[in-house]
Amino acid sequence: MENERFVPDVFKVLGKNIKKIRMAENVSQEQLAEKINKSPHLVGLFERGKCRHQYSHHN
């Protein structure tokens, strides 16, 4: 199904954009990880489009 192929592409594009912005702001993966309370490993997975981490939003 075409939609199944589309979803991973969205994660790859999102990851590339995260990395592009992070690098433009001169922020390391470690610094970003600390700011979002996640591990640097997870940030790397996000940037490579390999992670579909679920999150919860708390007010």
C-alpha atoms as a PDB file:
ATOM      1  CA  MET A   1       0.000   0.000   0.000  1.00  0.00           C
ATOM      2  CA  GLU A   2       1.328   3.442  -0.916  1.00  0.00           C
ATOM      3  CA  ASN A   3       0.512   5.023   2.469  1.00  0.00           C
ATOM      4  CA  GLU A   4       2.738   2.511   4.251  1.00  0.00           C
ATOM      5  CA  ARG A   5       5.709   3.722   2.217  1.00  0.00           C
ATOM      6  CA  PHE A   6       4.826   7.362   2.836  1.00  0.00           C
ATOM      7  CA  VAL A   7       4.994   7.177   6.629  1.00  0.00           C
ATOM      8  CA  PRO A   8       8.706   6.252   6.885  1.00  0.00           C
ATOM      9  CA  ASP A   9       9.524   9.008   4.364  1.00  0.00           C
ATOM     10  CA  VAL A  10       7.842  11.542   6.644  1.00  0.00           C
ATOM     11  CA  PHE A  11      10.061  10.445   9.537  1.00  0.00           C
ATOM     12  CA  LYS A  12      13.182  10.734   7.362  1.00  0.00           C
ATOM     13  CA  VAL A  13      12.248  14.250   6.222  1.00  0.00           C
ATOM     14  CA  LEU A  14      11.416  15.283   9.774  1.00  0.00           C
ATOM     15  CA  GLY A  15      14.727  13.876  11.009  1.00  0.00           C
ATOM     16  CA  LYS A  16      16.689  15.721   8.338  1.00  0.00           C
ATOM     17  CA  ASN A  17      14.950  18.952   9.298  1.00  0.00           C
ATOM     18  CA  ILE A  18      15.678  18.426  12.992  1.00  0.00           C
ATOM     19  CA  LYS A  19      19.358  17.905  12.189  1.00  0.00           C
ATOM     20  CA  LYS A  20      19.490  20.889   9.826  1.00  0.00           C
ATOM     21  CA  ILE A  21      18.005  23.226  12.428  1.00  0.00           C
ATOM     22  CA  ARG A  22      20.130  21.778  15.228  1.00  0.00           C
ATOM     23  CA  MET A  23      23.302  22.277  13.234  1.00  0.00           C
ATOM     24  CA  ALA A  24      22.295  25.796  12.119  1.00  0.00           C
ATOM     25  CA  GLU A  25      21.879  26.682  15.790  1.00  0.00           C
ATOM     26  CA  ASN A  26      25.278  25.106  16.581  1.00  0.00           C
ATOM     27  CA  VAL A  27      23.719  22.675  19.075  1.00  0.00           C
ATOM     28  CA  SER A  28      25.151  19.198  19.618  1.00  0.00           C
ATOM     29  CA  GLN A  29      23.010  16.092  19.846  1.00  0.00           C
ATOM     30  CA  GLU A  30      23.957  15.919  23.511  1.00  0.00           C
ATOM     31  CA  GLN A  31      22.793  19.497  24.135  1.00  0.00           C
ATOM     32  CA  LEU A  32      19.514  18.909  22.315  1.00  0.00           C
ATOM     33  CA  ALA A  33      18.974  15.662  24.184  1.00  0.00           C
ATOM     34  CA  GLU A  34      19.443  17.449  27.489  1.00  0.00           C
ATOM     35  CA  LYS A  35      16.974  20.186  26.500  1.00  0.00           C
ATOM     36  CA  ILE A  36      14.269  17.675  25.560  1.00  0.00           C
ATOM     37  CA  ASN A  37      15.083  15.253  28.377  1.00  0.00           C
ATOM     38  CA  LYS A  38      15.961  12.394  26.016  1.00  0.00           C
ATOM     39  CA  SER A  39      19.166  10.482  25.326  1.00  0.00           C
ATOM     40  CA  PRO A  40      21.647  11.560  22.621  1.00  0.00           C
ATOM     41  CA  HIS A  41      21.155   8.102  21.104  1.00  0.00           C
ATOM     42  CA  LEU A  42      17.435   8.817  20.680  1.00  0.00           C
ATOM     43  CA  VAL A  43      18.175  12.200  19.086  1.00  0.00           C
ATOM     44  CA  GLY A  44      20.416  10.406  16.581  1.00  0.00           C
ATOM     45  CA  LEU A  45      17.671   7.911  15.807  1.00  0.00           C
ATOM     46  CA  PHE A  46      15.205  10.760  15.251  1.00  0.00           C
ATOM     47  CA  GLU A  47      17.616  12.521  12.909  1.00  0.00           C
ATOM     48  CA  ARG A  48      18.075   9.371  10.834  1.00  0.00           C
ATOM     49  CA  GLY A  49      14.317   8.768  10.663  1.00  0.00           C
ATOM     50  CA  LYS A  50      14.712   5.497  12.547  1.00  0.00           C
ATOM     51  CA  CYS A  51      12.582   6.348  15.559  1.00  0.00           C
ATOM     52  CA  ARG A  52       8.833   6.632  15.866  1.00  0.00           C
ATOM     53  CA  HIS A  53       8.882   7.612  19.507  1.00  0.00           C
ATOM     54  CA  GLN A  54       5.513   8.151  21.101  1.00  0.00           C
ATOM     55  CA  TYR A  55       5.225  11.051  23.432  1.00  0.00           C
ATOM     56  CA  SER A  56       2.704  12.407  25.828  1.00  0.00           C
ATOM     57  CA  HIS A  57       1.959  16.070  26.290  1.00  0.00           C
ATOM     58  CA  HIS A  58       1.433  17.213  29.856  1.00  0.00           C
ATOM     59  CA  ASN A  59       0.234  20.664  30.815  1.00  0.00           C
END
